[in-house]
Amino acid sequence: MMVPETQGKNWFHDNTVGFEHEMELPEGKKLHLLLEKDFTCLENRAEDQSDNYPNPKLQH
């Protein structure tokens, strides 16, 4: 998936959650692509979430 350079560079700082695109495949089929930010979970998890985005549902 290609994201316009300006949008990709600003993605970290803006409120855009993700990008999606639908791609035509042979025989009339389609591939739906979705690229989203990985937010921290609302519940405590054992996995490392240190590189996830802050969950907007936890912000006031």
PDB file of N, CA and C in Angstrom:
ATOM      1  N   MET A   1       0.850  -1.165   0.000  1.00  0.00           N
ATOM      2  CA  MET A   1       0.000   0.000   0.000  1.00  0.00           C
ATOM      3  C   MET A   1       0.896   1.228   0.000  1.00  0.00           C
ATOM      4  N   MET A   2       0.569   2.170  -0.835  1.00  0.00           N
ATOM      5  CA  MET A   2       1.325   3.419  -0.870  1.00  0.00           C
ATOM      6  C   MET A   2       0.489   4.516  -0.214  1.00  0.00           C
ATOM      7  N   VAL A   3       1.135   5.278   0.641  1.00  0.00           N
ATOM      8  CA  VAL A   3       0.499   6.410   1.309  1.00  0.00           C
ATOM      9  C   VAL A   3       1.229   7.657   0.835  1.00  0.00           C
ATOM     10  N   PRO A   4       0.491   8.712   0.474  1.00  0.00           N
ATOM     11  CA  PRO A   4       1.175   9.939   0.061  1.00  0.00           C
ATOM     12  C   PRO A   4       2.200  10.379   1.109  1.00  0.00           C
ATOM     13  N   GLU A   5       3.363  10.808   0.643  1.00  0.00           N
ATOM     14  CA  GLU A   5       4.478  11.130   1.531  1.00  0.00           C
ATOM     15  C   GLU A   5       4.098  12.100   2.643  1.00  0.00           C
ATOM     16  N   THR A   6       3.400  13.171   2.309  1.00  0.00           N
ATOM     17  CA  THR A   6       3.025  14.164   3.322  1.00  0.00           C
ATOM     18  C   THR A   6       2.156  13.543   4.403  1.00  0.00           C
ATOM     19  N   GLN A   7       1.169  12.735   4.003  1.00  0.00           N
ATOM     20  CA  GLN A   7       0.299  12.084   4.988  1.00  0.00           C
ATOM     21  C   GLN A   7       1.076  11.088   5.842  1.00  0.00           C
ATOM     22  N   GLY A   8       1.977  10.340   5.222  1.00  0.00           N
ATOM     23  CA  GLY A   8       2.771   9.373   5.969  1.00  0.00           C
ATOM     24  C   GLY A   8       3.666  10.031   7.007  1.00  0.00           C
ATOM     25  N   LYS A   9       4.285  11.141   6.639  1.00  0.00           N
ATOM     26  CA  LYS A   9       5.174  11.848   7.570  1.00  0.00           C
ATOM     27  C   LYS A   9       4.412  12.468   8.728  1.00  0.00           C
ATOM     28  N   ASN A  10       3.172  12.908   8.492  1.00  0.00           N
ATOM     29  CA  ASN A  10       2.384  13.576   9.533  1.00  0.00           C
ATOM     30  C   ASN A  10       1.514  12.610  10.327  1.00  0.00           C
ATOM     31  N   TRP A  11       1.452  11.367   9.899  1.00  0.00           N
ATOM     32  CA  TRP A  11       0.541  10.399  10.506  1.00  0.00           C
ATOM     33  C   TRP A  11       0.742  10.262  12.013  1.00  0.00           C
ATOM     34  N   PHE A  12       1.980  10.253  12.455  1.00  0.00           N
ATOM     35  CA  PHE A  12       2.284  10.098  13.883  1.00  0.00           C
ATOM     36  C   PHE A  12       1.652  11.212  14.709  1.00  0.00           C
ATOM     37  N   HIS A  13       1.593  12.405  14.152  1.00  0.00           N
ATOM     38  CA  HIS A  13       1.171  13.578  14.912  1.00  0.00           C
ATOM     39  C   HIS A  13      -0.294  13.957  14.729  1.00  0.00           C
ATOM     40  N   ASP A  14      -0.989  13.364  13.759  1.00  0.00           N
ATOM     41  CA  ASP A  14      -2.372  13.785  13.551  1.00  0.00           C
ATOM     42  C   ASP A  14      -3.358  12.736  14.064  1.00  0.00           C
ATOM     43  N   ASN A  15      -4.635  13.019  13.910  1.00  0.00           N
ATOM     44  CA  ASN A  15      -5.685  12.142  14.438  1.00  0.00           C
ATOM     45  C   ASN A  15      -6.125  11.068  13.462  1.00  0.00           C
ATOM     46  N   THR A  16      -5.433  10.945  12.334  1.00  0.00           N
ATOM     47  CA  THR A  16      -5.776   9.908  11.371  1.00  0.00           C
ATOM     48  C   THR A  16      -5.452   8.540  11.971  1.00  0.00           C
ATOM     49  N   VAL A  17      -6.447   7.670  12.032  1.00  0.00           N
ATOM     50  CA  VAL A  17      -6.238   6.344  12.609  1.00  0.00           C
ATOM     51  C   VAL A  17      -5.635   5.397  11.587  1.00  0.00           C
ATOM     52  N   GLY A  18      -6.058   5.524  10.335  1.00  0.00           N
ATOM     53  CA  GLY A  18      -5.540   4.588   9.352  1.00  0.00           C
ATOM     54  C   GLY A  18      -5.859   4.992   7.931  1.00  0.00           C
ATOM     55  N   PHE A  19      -5.443   4.134   7.030  1.00  0.00           N
ATOM     56  CA  PHE A  19      -5.667   4.309   5.608  1.00  0.00           C
ATOM     57  C   PHE A  19      -6.244   3.002   5.083  1.00  0.00           C
ATOM     58  N   GLU A  20      -7.144   3.100   4.100  1.00  0.00           N
ATOM     59  CA  GLU A  20      -7.643   1.880   3.480  1.00  0.00           C
ATOM     60  C   GLU A  20      -7.742   2.061   1.978  1.00  0.00           C
ATOM     61  N   HIS A  21      -7.670   0.924   1.299  1.00  0.00           N
ATOM     62  CA  HIS A  21      -7.686   0.927  -0.163  1.00  0.00           C
ATOM     63  C   HIS A  21      -8.262  -0.400  -0.623  1.00  0.00           C
ATOM     64  N   GLU A  22      -9.014  -0.354  -1.690  1.00  0.00           N
ATOM     65  CA  GLU A  22      -9.536  -1.576  -2.282  1.00  0.00           C
ATOM     66  C   GLU A  22      -8.854  -1.785  -3.629  1.00  0.00           C
ATOM     67  N   MET A  23      -8.368  -2.982  -3.838  1.00  0.00           N
ATOM     68  CA  MET A  23      -7.586  -3.305  -5.026  1.00  0.00           C
ATOM     69  C   MET A  23      -8.329  -4.350  -5.860  1.00  0.00           C
ATOM     70  N   GLU A  24      -8.472  -4.070  -7.136  1.00  0.00           N
ATOM     71  CA  GLU A  24      -9.134  -5.016  -8.043  1.00  0.00           C
ATOM     72  C   GLU A  24      -8.231  -6.220  -8.302  1.00  0.00           C
ATOM     73  N   LEU A  25      -8.806  -7.398  -8.261  1.00  0.00           N
ATOM     74  CA  LEU A  25      -8.105  -8.645  -8.544  1.00  0.00           C
ATOM     75  C   LEU A  25      -8.748  -9.305  -9.762  1.00  0.00           C
ATOM     76  N   PRO A  26      -8.101 -10.320 -10.307  1.00  0.00           N
ATOM     77  CA  PRO A  26      -8.699 -11.039 -11.440  1.00  0.00           C
ATOM     78  C   PRO A  26     -10.048 -11.660 -11.064  1.00  0.00           C
ATOM     79  N   GLU A  27     -10.836 -11.926 -12.064  1.00  0.00           N
ATOM     80  CA  GLU A  27     -12.133 -12.597 -11.925  1.00  0.00           C
ATOM     81  C   GLU A  27     -13.127 -11.784 -11.093  1.00  0.00           C
ATOM     82  N   GLY A  28     -12.996 -10.453 -11.119  1.00  0.00           N
ATOM     83  CA  GLY A  28     -13.951  -9.593 -10.422  1.00  0.00           C
ATOM     84  C   GLY A  28     -13.821  -9.566  -8.908  1.00  0.00           C
ATOM     85  N   LYS A  29     -12.757 -10.137  -8.371  1.00  0.00           N
ATOM     86  CA  LYS A  29     -12.563 -10.147  -6.921  1.00  0.00           C
ATOM     87  C   LYS A  29     -11.858  -8.864  -6.494  1.00  0.00           C
ATOM     88  N   LYS A  30     -11.933  -8.561  -5.196  1.00  0.00           N
ATOM     89  CA  LYS A  30     -11.299  -7.363  -4.646  1.00  0.00           C
ATOM     90  C   LYS A  30     -10.528  -7.714  -3.386  1.00  0.00           C
ATOM     91  N   LEU A  31      -9.453  -6.965  -3.160  1.00  0.00           N
ATOM     92  CA  LEU A  31      -8.656  -7.113  -1.940  1.00  0.00           C
ATOM     93  C   LEU A  31      -8.792  -5.814  -1.164  1.00  0.00           C
ATOM     94  N   HIS A  32      -9.271  -5.896   0.065  1.00  0.00           N
ATOM     95  CA  HIS A  32      -9.440  -4.717   0.912  1.00  0.00           C
ATOM     96  C   HIS A  32      -8.221  -4.610   1.826  1.00  0.00           C
ATOM     97  N   LEU A  33      -7.483  -3.501   1.705  1.00  0.00           N
ATOM     98  CA  LEU A  33      -6.289  -3.272   2.519  1.00  0.00           C
ATOM     99  C   LEU A  33      -6.589  -2.221   3.573  1.00  0.00           C
ATOM    100  N   LEU A  34      -6.170  -2.475   4.799  1.00  0.00           N
ATOM    101  CA  LEU A  34      -6.389  -1.552   5.905  1.00  0.00           C
ATOM    102  C   LEU A  34      -5.106  -1.442   6.712  1.00  0.00           C
ATOM    103  N   LEU A  35      -4.592  -0.229   6.848  1.00  0.00           N
ATOM    104  CA  LEU A  35      -3.381   0.046   7.613  1.00  0.00           C
ATOM    105  C   LEU A  35      -3.773   0.975   8.744  1.00  0.00           C
ATOM    106  N   GLU A  36      -3.631   0.525   9.991  1.00  0.00           N
ATOM    107  CA  GLU A  36      -4.070   1.311  11.142  1.00  0.00           C
ATOM    108  C   GLU A  36      -2.960   1.447  12.179  1.00  0.00           C
ATOM    109  N   LYS A  37      -3.066   2.499  12.973  1.00  0.00           N
ATOM    110  CA  LYS A  37      -2.161   2.670  14.107  1.00  0.00           C
ATOM    111  C   LYS A  37      -2.452   1.566  15.118  1.00  0.00           C
ATOM    112  N   ASP A  38      -1.419   1.124  15.808  1.00  0.00           N
ATOM    113  CA  ASP A  38      -1.563   0.101  16.833  1.00  0.00           C
ATOM    114  C   ASP A  38      -1.642   0.816  18.179  1.00  0.00           C
ATOM    115  N   PHE A  39      -2.857   0.897  18.734  1.00  0.00           N
ATOM    116  CA  PHE A  39      -3.061   1.575  20.019  1.00  0.00           C
ATOM    117  C   PHE A  39      -2.824   0.628  21.181  1.00  0.00           C
ATOM    118  N   THR A  40      -2.461   1.183  22.315  1.00  0.00           N
ATOM    119  CA  THR A  40      -2.338   0.363  23.517  1.00  0.00           C
ATOM    120  C   THR A  40      -3.704  -0.210  23.867  1.00  0.00           C
ATOM    121  N   CYS A  41      -3.710  -1.373  24.473  1.00  0.00           N
ATOM    122  CA  CYS A  41      -4.955  -2.039  24.842  1.00  0.00           C
ATOM    123  C   CYS A  41      -5.591  -1.352  26.044  1.00  0.00           C
ATOM    124  N   LEU A  42      -6.911  -1.459  26.132  1.00  0.00           N
ATOM    125  CA  LEU A  42      -7.621  -0.884  27.267  1.00  0.00           C
ATOM    126  C   LEU A  42      -7.459  -1.757  28.510  1.00  0.00           C
ATOM    127  N   GLU A  43      -7.253  -3.058  28.298  1.00  0.00           N
ATOM    128  CA  GLU A  43      -7.029  -3.978  29.419  1.00  0.00           C
ATOM    129  C   GLU A  43      -5.520  -4.210  29.561  1.00  0.00           C
ATOM    130  N   ASN A  44      -5.088  -4.565  30.749  1.00  0.00           N
ATOM    131  CA  ASN A  44      -3.671  -4.881  30.949  1.00  0.00           C
ATOM    132  C   ASN A  44      -3.345  -6.183  30.222  1.00  0.00           C
ATOM    133  N   ARG A  45      -2.253  -6.161  29.485  1.00  0.00           N
ATOM    134  CA  ARG A  45      -1.808  -7.331  28.742  1.00  0.00           C
ATOM    135  C   ARG A  45      -0.365  -7.609  29.101  1.00  0.00           C
ATOM    136  N   ALA A  46       0.043  -8.840  28.972  1.00  0.00           N
ATOM    137  CA  ALA A  46       1.420  -9.223  29.270  1.00  0.00           C
ATOM    138  C   ALA A  46       2.384  -8.804  28.164  1.00  0.00           C
ATOM    139  N   GLU A  47       1.858  -8.484  26.982  1.00  0.00           N
ATOM    140  CA  GLU A  47       2.727  -8.142  25.851  1.00  0.00           C
ATOM    141  C   GLU A  47       3.316  -6.733  25.995  1.00  0.00           C
ATOM    142  N   ASP A  48       4.445  -6.533  25.367  1.00  0.00           N
ATOM    143  CA  ASP A  48       5.101  -5.223  25.372  1.00  0.00           C
ATOM    144  C   ASP A  48       4.337  -4.284  24.443  1.00  0.00           C
ATOM    145  N   GLN A  49       3.822  -3.203  24.980  1.00  0.00           N
ATOM    146  CA  GLN A  49       3.073  -2.225  24.203  1.00  0.00           C
ATOM    147  C   GLN A  49       3.785  -0.875  24.194  1.00  0.00           C
ATOM    148  N   SER A  50       5.065  -0.879  24.495  1.00  0.00           N
ATOM    149  CA  SER A  50       5.808   0.369  24.633  1.00  0.00           C
ATOM    150  C   SER A  50       5.923   1.154  23.329  1.00  0.00           C
ATOM    151  N   ASP A  51       5.777   0.481  22.183  1.00  0.00           N
ATOM    152  CA  ASP A  51       5.874   1.205  20.917  1.00  0.00           C
ATOM    153  C   ASP A  51       4.507   1.454  20.278  1.00  0.00           C
ATOM    154  N   ASN A  52       3.432   1.223  21.038  1.00  0.00           N
ATOM    155  CA  ASN A  52       2.087   1.466  20.538  1.00  0.00           C
ATOM    156  C   ASN A  52       1.695   2.931  20.758  1.00  0.00           C
ATOM    157  N   TYR A  53       0.721   3.381  19.978  1.00  0.00           N
ATOM    158  CA  TYR A  53       0.185   4.728  20.151  1.00  0.00           C
ATOM    159  C   TYR A  53      -0.685   4.762  21.402  1.00  0.00           C
ATOM    160  N   PRO A  54      -0.746   5.893  22.110  1.00  0.00           N
ATOM    161  CA  PRO A  54      -1.646   5.997  23.255  1.00  0.00           C
ATOM    162  C   PRO A  54      -3.094   5.795  22.788  1.00  0.00           C
ATOM    163  N   ASN A  55      -3.856   5.045  23.547  1.00  0.00           N
ATOM    164  CA  ASN A  55      -5.231   4.775  23.181  1.00  0.00           C
ATOM    165  C   ASN A  55      -6.074   6.040  23.375  1.00  0.00           C
ATOM    166  N   PRO A  56      -6.737   6.534  22.319  1.00  0.00           N
ATOM    167  CA  PRO A  56      -7.523   7.766  22.451  1.00  0.00           C
ATOM    168  C   PRO A  56      -8.693   7.641  23.418  1.00  0.00           C
ATOM    169  N   LYS A  57      -9.150   6.415  23.688  1.00  0.00           N
ATOM    170  CA  LYS A  57     -10.238   6.235  24.640  1.00  0.00           C
ATOM    171  C   LYS A  57      -9.790   6.453  26.077  1.00  0.00           C
ATOM    172  N   LEU A  58      -8.489   6.478  26.330  1.00  0.00           N
ATOM    173  CA  LEU A  58      -7.968   6.724  27.667  1.00  0.00           C
ATOM    174  C   LEU A  58      -7.643   8.189  27.900  1.00  0.00           C
ATOM    175  N   GLN A  59      -7.649   8.981  26.835  1.00  0.00           N
ATOM    176  CA  GLN A  59      -7.328  10.406  26.951  1.00  0.00           C
ATOM    177  C   GLN A  59      -8.593  11.192  27.245  1.00  0.00           C
ATOM    178  N   HIS A  60      -8.451  12.238  28.019  1.00  0.00           N
ATOM    179  CA  HIS A  60      -9.610  13.060  28.373  1.00  0.00           C
ATOM    180  C   HIS A  60      -9.645  14.311  27.554  1.00  0.00           C
TER     181      HIS A  60
END
